[in-house]
Amino acid sequence: MVLLTPHSVESMWVKRELNYALIEKRYQYRIIPILMRDCEYRKLSWTLPQFQLIDFRKDFTRGCEELLRVWKKRLRT
């Protein structure tokens, strides 16, 4: 997971870690961008729009449900 916030998209270390994950075969199909706050996440990597982005900005519970769906799990109530 890569948490997307205004601060994270400016972080050199987040960019390095994402670039590493993008070239490592073992992370193929395992990168999940999590949108926590409005930000220009394309600045971090031009590849991010190609991934399924999970949006936590408006509804945290809905974001959790979407993330669990990607992981093929269900939210317990």
PDB file of N, CA and C in Angstrom:
ATOM      1  N   MET A   1       0.844  -1.171   0.000  1.00  0.00           N
ATOM      2  CA  MET A   1       0.000   0.000   0.000  1.00  0.00           C
ATOM      3  C   MET A   1       0.885   1.228   0.000  1.00  0.00           C
ATOM      4  N   VAL A   2       0.423   2.221  -0.703  1.00  0.00           N
ATOM      5  CA  VAL A   2       1.073   3.524  -0.664  1.00  0.00           C
ATOM      6  C   VAL A   2      -0.004   4.539  -0.273  1.00  0.00           C
ATOM      7  N   LEU A   3       0.201   5.190   0.875  1.00  0.00           N
ATOM      8  CA  LEU A   3      -0.755   6.180   1.366  1.00  0.00           C
ATOM      9  C   LEU A   3      -0.493   7.505   0.674  1.00  0.00           C
ATOM     10  N   LEU A   4      -1.531   8.038   0.066  1.00  0.00           N
ATOM     11  CA  LEU A   4      -1.383   9.256  -0.727  1.00  0.00           C
ATOM     12  C   LEU A   4      -1.946  10.458   0.026  1.00  0.00           C
ATOM     13  N   THR A   5      -1.048  11.362   0.376  1.00  0.00           N
ATOM     14  CA  THR A   5      -1.369  12.619   1.040  1.00  0.00           C
ATOM     15  C   THR A   5      -0.494  13.690   0.396  1.00  0.00           C
ATOM     16  N   PRO A   6      -0.771  14.955   0.635  1.00  0.00           N
ATOM     17  CA  PRO A   6       0.120  15.984   0.085  1.00  0.00           C
ATOM     18  C   PRO A   6       1.575  15.784   0.530  1.00  0.00           C
ATOM     19  N   HIS A   7       1.769  15.389   1.769  1.00  0.00           N
ATOM     20  CA  HIS A   7       3.124  15.185   2.274  1.00  0.00           C
ATOM     21  C   HIS A   7       3.796  13.968   1.614  1.00  0.00           C
ATOM     22  N   SER A   8       3.067  12.869   1.471  1.00  0.00           N
ATOM     23  CA  SER A   8       3.685  11.654   0.921  1.00  0.00           C
ATOM     24  C   SER A   8       4.092  11.810  -0.540  1.00  0.00           C
ATOM     25  N   VAL A   9       3.307  12.566  -1.325  1.00  0.00           N
ATOM     26  CA  VAL A   9       3.673  12.717  -2.736  1.00  0.00           C
ATOM     27  C   VAL A   9       4.907  13.597  -2.915  1.00  0.00           C
ATOM     28  N   GLU A  10       5.275  14.341  -1.891  1.00  0.00           N
ATOM     29  CA  GLU A  10       6.490  15.156  -1.928  1.00  0.00           C
ATOM     30  C   GLU A  10       7.685  14.432  -1.312  1.00  0.00           C
ATOM     31  N   SER A  11       7.450  13.291  -0.683  1.00  0.00           N
ATOM     32  CA  SER A  11       8.502  12.586   0.035  1.00  0.00           C
ATOM     33  C   SER A  11       9.442  11.828  -0.913  1.00  0.00           C
ATOM     34  N   MET A  12      10.710  12.092  -0.788  1.00  0.00           N
ATOM     35  CA  MET A  12      11.714  11.394  -1.584  1.00  0.00           C
ATOM     36  C   MET A  12      11.697   9.896  -1.257  1.00  0.00           C
ATOM     37  N   TRP A  13      11.505   9.550   0.015  1.00  0.00           N
ATOM     38  CA  TRP A  13      11.542   8.150   0.423  1.00  0.00           C
ATOM     39  C   TRP A  13      10.327   7.380  -0.071  1.00  0.00           C
ATOM     40  N   VAL A  14       9.164   7.990  -0.054  1.00  0.00           N
ATOM     41  CA  VAL A  14       7.973   7.322  -0.598  1.00  0.00           C
ATOM     42  C   VAL A  14       8.172   7.064  -2.086  1.00  0.00           C
ATOM     43  N   LYS A  15       8.712   8.045  -2.779  1.00  0.00           N
ATOM     44  CA  LYS A  15       8.967   7.878  -4.219  1.00  0.00           C
ATOM     45  C   LYS A  15       9.966   6.753  -4.464  1.00  0.00           C
ATOM     46  N   ARG A  16      11.027   6.695  -3.685  1.00  0.00           N
ATOM     47  CA  ARG A  16      12.017   5.629  -3.842  1.00  0.00           C
ATOM     48  C   ARG A  16      11.403   4.253  -3.576  1.00  0.00           C
ATOM     49  N   GLU A  17      10.626   4.153  -2.515  1.00  0.00           N
ATOM     50  CA  GLU A  17      10.014   2.865  -2.179  1.00  0.00           C
ATOM     51  C   GLU A  17       9.023   2.431  -3.257  1.00  0.00           C
ATOM     52  N   LEU A  18       8.234   3.377  -3.765  1.00  0.00           N
ATOM     53  CA  LEU A  18       7.292   3.042  -4.826  1.00  0.00           C
ATOM     54  C   LEU A  18       8.037   2.615  -6.093  1.00  0.00           C
ATOM     55  N   ASN A  19       9.065   3.348  -6.466  1.00  0.00           N
ATOM     56  CA  ASN A  19       9.848   2.975  -7.654  1.00  0.00           C
ATOM     57  C   ASN A  19      10.455   1.586  -7.502  1.00  0.00           C
ATOM     58  N   TYR A  20      10.936   1.271  -6.308  1.00  0.00           N
ATOM     59  CA  TYR A  20      11.483  -0.063  -6.051  1.00  0.00           C
ATOM     60  C   TYR A  20      10.399  -1.125  -6.235  1.00  0.00           C
ATOM     61  N   ALA A  21       9.242  -0.882  -5.659  1.00  0.00           N
ATOM     62  CA  ALA A  21       8.145  -1.856  -5.767  1.00  0.00           C
ATOM     63  C   ALA A  21       7.702  -2.035  -7.221  1.00  0.00           C
ATOM     64  N   LEU A  22       7.744  -0.961  -7.998  1.00  0.00           N
ATOM     65  CA  LEU A  22       7.316  -1.046  -9.392  1.00  0.00           C
ATOM     66  C   LEU A  22       8.231  -1.916 -10.242  1.00  0.00           C
ATOM     67  N   ILE A  23       9.518  -1.985  -9.895  1.00  0.00           N
ATOM     68  CA  ILE A  23      10.438  -2.782 -10.708  1.00  0.00           C
ATOM     69  C   ILE A  23      10.636  -4.201 -10.179  1.00  0.00           C
ATOM     70  N   GLU A  24      10.231  -4.451  -8.939  1.00  0.00           N
ATOM     71  CA  GLU A  24      10.378  -5.782  -8.353  1.00  0.00           C
ATOM     72  C   GLU A  24       9.203  -6.674  -8.771  1.00  0.00           C
ATOM     73  N   LYS A  25       9.512  -7.778  -9.374  1.00  0.00           N
ATOM     74  CA  LYS A  25       8.476  -8.698  -9.867  1.00  0.00           C
ATOM     75  C   LYS A  25       7.554  -9.205  -8.741  1.00  0.00           C
ATOM     76  N   ARG A  26       8.112  -9.397  -7.555  1.00  0.00           N
ATOM     77  CA  ARG A  26       7.312  -9.944  -6.449  1.00  0.00           C
ATOM     78  C   ARG A  26       6.196  -8.996  -5.999  1.00  0.00           C
ATOM     79  N   TYR A  27       6.281  -7.715  -6.378  1.00  0.00           N
ATOM     80  CA  TYR A  27       5.237  -6.750  -6.016  1.00  0.00           C
ATOM     81  C   TYR A  27       4.238  -6.525  -7.153  1.00  0.00           C
ATOM     82  N   GLN A  28       4.401  -7.235  -8.249  1.00  0.00           N
ATOM     83  CA  GLN A  28       3.475  -7.090  -9.362  1.00  0.00           C
ATOM     84  C   GLN A  28       2.073  -7.474  -8.890  1.00  0.00           C
ATOM     85  N   TYR A  29       1.103  -6.650  -9.190  1.00  0.00           N
ATOM     86  CA  TYR A  29      -0.303  -6.836  -8.791  1.00  0.00           C
ATOM     87  C   TYR A  29      -0.505  -6.706  -7.286  1.00  0.00           C
ATOM     88  N   ARG A  30       0.434  -6.140  -6.555  1.00  0.00           N
ATOM     89  CA  ARG A  30       0.297  -6.012  -5.108  1.00  0.00           C
ATOM     90  C   ARG A  30       0.360  -4.568  -4.621  1.00  0.00           C
ATOM     91  N   ILE A  31       0.497  -3.639  -5.508  1.00  0.00           N
ATOM     92  CA  ILE A  31       0.563  -2.231  -5.120  1.00  0.00           C
ATOM     93  C   ILE A  31      -0.851  -1.676  -5.070  1.00  0.00           C
ATOM     94  N   ILE A  32      -1.213  -1.113  -3.916  1.00  0.00           N
ATOM     95  CA  ILE A  32      -2.546  -0.553  -3.738  1.00  0.00           C
ATOM     96  C   ILE A  32      -2.405   0.893  -3.275  1.00  0.00           C
ATOM     97  N   PRO A  33      -2.720   1.855  -4.137  1.00  0.00           N
ATOM     98  CA  PRO A  33      -2.695   3.252  -3.719  1.00  0.00           C
ATOM     99  C   PRO A  33      -3.925   3.572  -2.857  1.00  0.00           C
ATOM    100  N   ILE A  34      -3.680   4.190  -1.712  1.00  0.00           N
ATOM    101  CA  ILE A  34      -4.747   4.570  -0.779  1.00  0.00           C
ATOM    102  C   ILE A  34      -4.803   6.098  -0.738  1.00  0.00           C
ATOM    103  N   LEU A  35      -5.886   6.675  -1.211  1.00  0.00           N
ATOM    104  CA  LEU A  35      -6.034   8.124  -1.236  1.00  0.00           C
ATOM    105  C   LEU A  35      -6.617   8.586   0.098  1.00  0.00           C
ATOM    106  N   MET A  36      -5.750   9.210   0.916  1.00  0.00           N
ATOM    107  CA  MET A  36      -6.156   9.655   2.250  1.00  0.00           C
ATOM    108  C   MET A  36      -6.590  11.120   2.267  1.00  0.00           C
ATOM    109  N   ARG A  37      -5.945  11.940   1.452  1.00  0.00           N
ATOM    110  CA  ARG A  37      -6.252  13.371   1.367  1.00  0.00           C
ATOM    111  C   ARG A  37      -6.116  13.809  -0.086  1.00  0.00           C
ATOM    112  N   ASP A  38      -6.805  14.883  -0.439  1.00  0.00           N
ATOM    113  CA  ASP A  38      -6.655  15.429  -1.788  1.00  0.00           C
ATOM    114  C   ASP A  38      -5.192  15.762  -2.030  1.00  0.00           C
ATOM    115  N   CYS A  39      -4.670  15.303  -3.149  1.00  0.00           N
ATOM    116  CA  CYS A  39      -3.277  15.568  -3.488  1.00  0.00           C
ATOM    117  C   CYS A  39      -3.057  15.278  -4.962  1.00  0.00           C
ATOM    118  N   GLU A  40      -1.934  15.735  -5.453  1.00  0.00           N
ATOM    119  CA  GLU A  40      -1.556  15.506  -6.847  1.00  0.00           C
ATOM    120  C   GLU A  40      -0.694  14.245  -6.911  1.00  0.00           C
ATOM    121  N   TYR A  41      -1.337  13.096  -6.751  1.00  0.00           N
ATOM    122  CA  TYR A  41      -0.590  11.836  -6.647  1.00  0.00           C
ATOM    123  C   TYR A  41       0.137  11.463  -7.930  1.00  0.00           C
ATOM    124  N   ARG A  42      -0.238  12.032  -9.054  1.00  0.00           N
ATOM    125  CA  ARG A  42       0.486  11.758 -10.303  1.00  0.00           C
ATOM    126  C   ARG A  42       1.919  12.286 -10.245  1.00  0.00           C
ATOM    127  N   LYS A  43       2.165  13.230  -9.344  1.00  0.00           N
ATOM    128  CA  LYS A  43       3.527  13.742  -9.172  1.00  0.00           C
ATOM    129  C   LYS A  43       4.447  12.665  -8.603  1.00  0.00           C
ATOM    130  N   LEU A  44       3.874  11.754  -7.835  1.00  0.00           N
ATOM    131  CA  LEU A  44       4.657  10.680  -7.235  1.00  0.00           C
ATOM    132  C   LEU A  44       5.101   9.680  -8.303  1.00  0.00           C
ATOM    133  N   SER A  45       4.174   9.296  -9.165  1.00  0.00           N
ATOM    134  CA  SER A  45       4.497   8.388 -10.267  1.00  0.00           C
ATOM    135  C   SER A  45       3.393   8.458 -11.314  1.00  0.00           C
ATOM    136  N   TRP A  46       3.804   8.507 -12.555  1.00  0.00           N
ATOM    137  CA  TRP A  46       2.827   8.533 -13.647  1.00  0.00           C
ATOM    138  C   TRP A  46       2.058   7.225 -13.743  1.00  0.00           C
ATOM    139  N   THR A  47       2.538   6.177 -13.079  1.00  0.00           N
ATOM    140  CA  THR A  47       1.887   4.867 -13.165  1.00  0.00           C
ATOM    141  C   THR A  47       0.701   4.717 -12.205  1.00  0.00           C
ATOM    142  N   LEU A  48       0.612   5.551 -11.190  1.00  0.00           N
ATOM    143  CA  LEU A  48      -0.434   5.371 -10.170  1.00  0.00           C
ATOM    144  C   LEU A  48      -1.863   5.348 -10.715  1.00  0.00           C
ATOM    145  N   PRO A  49      -2.222   6.175 -11.687  1.00  0.00           N
ATOM    146  CA  PRO A  49      -3.595   6.099 -12.200  1.00  0.00           C
ATOM    147  C   PRO A  49      -3.961   4.746 -12.819  1.00  0.00           C
ATOM    148  N   GLN A  50      -2.965   3.924 -13.134  1.00  0.00           N
ATOM    149  CA  GLN A  50      -3.235   2.611 -13.716  1.00  0.00           C
ATOM    150  C   GLN A  50      -3.667   1.591 -12.664  1.00  0.00           C
ATOM    151  N   PHE A  51      -3.421   1.888 -11.397  1.00  0.00           N
ATOM    152  CA  PHE A  51      -3.761   0.969 -10.318  1.00  0.00           C
ATOM    153  C   PHE A  51      -5.156   1.260  -9.790  1.00  0.00           C
ATOM    154  N   GLN A  52      -5.737   0.258  -9.147  1.00  0.00           N
ATOM    155  CA  GLN A  52      -7.030   0.456  -8.503  1.00  0.00           C
ATOM    156  C   GLN A  52      -6.803   1.287  -7.247  1.00  0.00           C
ATOM    157  N   LEU A  53      -7.293   2.488  -7.254  1.00  0.00           N
ATOM    158  CA  LEU A  53      -7.105   3.418  -6.154  1.00  0.00           C
ATOM    159  C   LEU A  53      -8.246   3.270  -5.156  1.00  0.00           C
ATOM    160  N   ILE A  54      -7.924   3.184  -3.877  1.00  0.00           N
ATOM    161  CA  ILE A  54      -8.937   3.094  -2.833  1.00  0.00           C
ATOM    162  C   ILE A  54      -9.052   4.467  -2.186  1.00  0.00           C
ATOM    163  N   ASP A  55     -10.263   5.022  -2.164  1.00  0.00           N
ATOM    164  CA  ASP A  55     -10.492   6.386  -1.692  1.00  0.00           C
ATOM    165  C   ASP A  55     -11.042   6.380  -0.262  1.00  0.00           C
ATOM    166  N   PHE A  56     -10.257   6.922   0.661  1.00  0.00           N
ATOM    167  CA  PHE A  56     -10.652   7.017   2.058  1.00  0.00           C
ATOM    168  C   PHE A  56     -11.057   8.444   2.436  1.00  0.00           C
ATOM    169  N   ARG A  57     -11.077   9.371   1.493  1.00  0.00           N
ATOM    170  CA  ARG A  57     -11.270  10.783   1.815  1.00  0.00           C
ATOM    171  C   ARG A  57     -12.627  11.097   2.424  1.00  0.00           C
ATOM    172  N   LYS A  58     -13.680  10.524   1.924  1.00  0.00           N
ATOM    173  CA  LYS A  58     -15.012  10.916   2.383  1.00  0.00           C
ATOM    174  C   LYS A  58     -15.633   9.931   3.359  1.00  0.00           C
ATOM    175  N   ASP A  59     -15.371   8.657   3.165  1.00  0.00           N
ATOM    176  CA  ASP A  59     -16.045   7.640   3.972  1.00  0.00           C
ATOM    177  C   ASP A  59     -15.044   6.548   4.341  1.00  0.00           C
ATOM    178  N   PHE A  60     -14.586   6.575   5.591  1.00  0.00           N
ATOM    179  CA  PHE A  60     -13.568   5.629   6.040  1.00  0.00           C
ATOM    180  C   PHE A  60     -14.078   4.183   5.962  1.00  0.00           C
ATOM    181  N   THR A  61     -15.319   3.953   6.381  1.00  0.00           N
ATOM    182  CA  THR A  61     -15.872   2.600   6.348  1.00  0.00           C
ATOM    183  C   THR A  61     -15.945   2.081   4.919  1.00  0.00           C
ATOM    184  N   ARG A  62     -16.378   2.922   4.006  1.00  0.00           N
ATOM    185  CA  ARG A  62     -16.453   2.523   2.590  1.00  0.00           C
ATOM    186  C   ARG A  62     -15.049   2.223   2.049  1.00  0.00           C
ATOM    187  N   GLY A  63     -14.073   3.021   2.448  1.00  0.00           N
ATOM    188  CA  GLY A  63     -12.697   2.764   2.045  1.00  0.00           C
ATOM    189  C   GLY A  63     -12.212   1.418   2.546  1.00  0.00           C
ATOM    190  N   CYS A  64     -12.546   1.103   3.806  1.00  0.00           N
ATOM    191  CA  CYS A  64     -12.174  -0.205   4.373  1.00  0.00           C
ATOM    192  C   CYS A  64     -12.832  -1.337   3.607  1.00  0.00           C
ATOM    193  N   GLU A  65     -14.102  -1.168   3.268  1.00  0.00           N
ATOM    194  CA  GLU A  65     -14.812  -2.197   2.511  1.00  0.00           C
ATOM    195  C   GLU A  65     -14.162  -2.419   1.147  1.00  0.00           C
ATOM    196  N   GLU A  66     -13.783  -1.337   0.475  1.00  0.00           N
ATOM    197  CA  GLU A  66     -13.126  -1.451  -0.829  1.00  0.00           C
ATOM    198  C   GLU A  66     -11.780  -2.150  -0.709  1.00  0.00           C
ATOM    199  N   LEU A  67     -11.017  -1.792   0.313  1.00  0.00           N
ATOM    200  CA  LEU A  67      -9.710  -2.422   0.520  1.00  0.00           C
ATOM    201  C   LEU A  67      -9.867  -3.909   0.809  1.00  0.00           C
ATOM    202  N   LEU A  68     -10.819  -4.252   1.649  1.00  0.00           N
ATOM    203  CA  LEU A  68     -11.048  -5.660   1.956  1.00  0.00           C
ATOM    204  C   LEU A  68     -11.539  -6.430   0.730  1.00  0.00           C
ATOM    205  N   ARG A  69     -12.316  -5.766  -0.121  1.00  0.00           N
ATOM    206  CA  ARG A  69     -12.777  -6.415  -1.351  1.00  0.00           C
ATOM    207  C   ARG A  69     -11.581  -6.756  -2.248  1.00  0.00           C
ATOM    208  N   VAL A  70     -10.629  -5.847  -2.328  1.00  0.00           N
ATOM    209  CA  VAL A  70      -9.420  -6.107  -3.121  1.00  0.00           C
ATOM    210  C   VAL A  70      -8.680  -7.311  -2.549  1.00  0.00           C
ATOM    211  N   TRP A  71      -8.674  -7.418  -1.217  1.00  0.00           N
ATOM    212  CA  TRP A  71      -7.998  -8.539  -0.548  1.00  0.00           C
ATOM    213  C   TRP A  71      -8.872  -9.781  -0.484  1.00  0.00           C
ATOM    214  N   LYS A  72     -10.092  -9.694  -1.058  1.00  0.00           N
ATOM    215  CA  LYS A  72     -11.057 -10.799  -1.056  1.00  0.00           C
ATOM    216  C   LYS A  72     -11.468 -11.201   0.357  1.00  0.00           C
ATOM    217  N   LYS A  73     -11.680 -10.176   1.190  1.00  0.00           N
ATOM    218  CA  LYS A  73     -12.145 -10.355   2.570  1.00  0.00           C
ATOM    219  C   LYS A  73     -13.429  -9.572   2.749  1.00  0.00           C
ATOM    220  N   ARG A  74     -14.126  -9.813   3.864  1.00  0.00           N
ATOM    221  CA  ARG A  74     -15.339  -9.064   4.149  1.00  0.00           C
ATOM    222  C   ARG A  74     -15.215  -8.381   5.502  1.00  0.00           C
ATOM    223  N   LEU A  75     -15.875  -7.227   5.629  1.00  0.00           N
ATOM    224  CA  LEU A  75     -15.883  -6.472   6.873  1.00  0.00           C
ATOM    225  C   LEU A  75     -16.864  -7.107   7.829  1.00  0.00           C
ATOM    226  N   ARG A  76     -16.388  -7.415   9.024  1.00  0.00           N
ATOM    227  CA  ARG A  76     -17.286  -7.973  10.041  1.00  0.00           C
ATOM    228  C   ARG A  76     -17.988  -6.849  10.768  1.00  0.00           C
ATOM    229  N   THR A  77     -19.272  -7.032  11.024  1.00  0.00           N
ATOM    230  CA  THR A  77     -20.043  -5.987  11.726  1.00  0.00           C
ATOM    231  C   THR A  77     -20.417  -6.431  13.114  1.00  0.00           C
TER     232      THR A  77
END
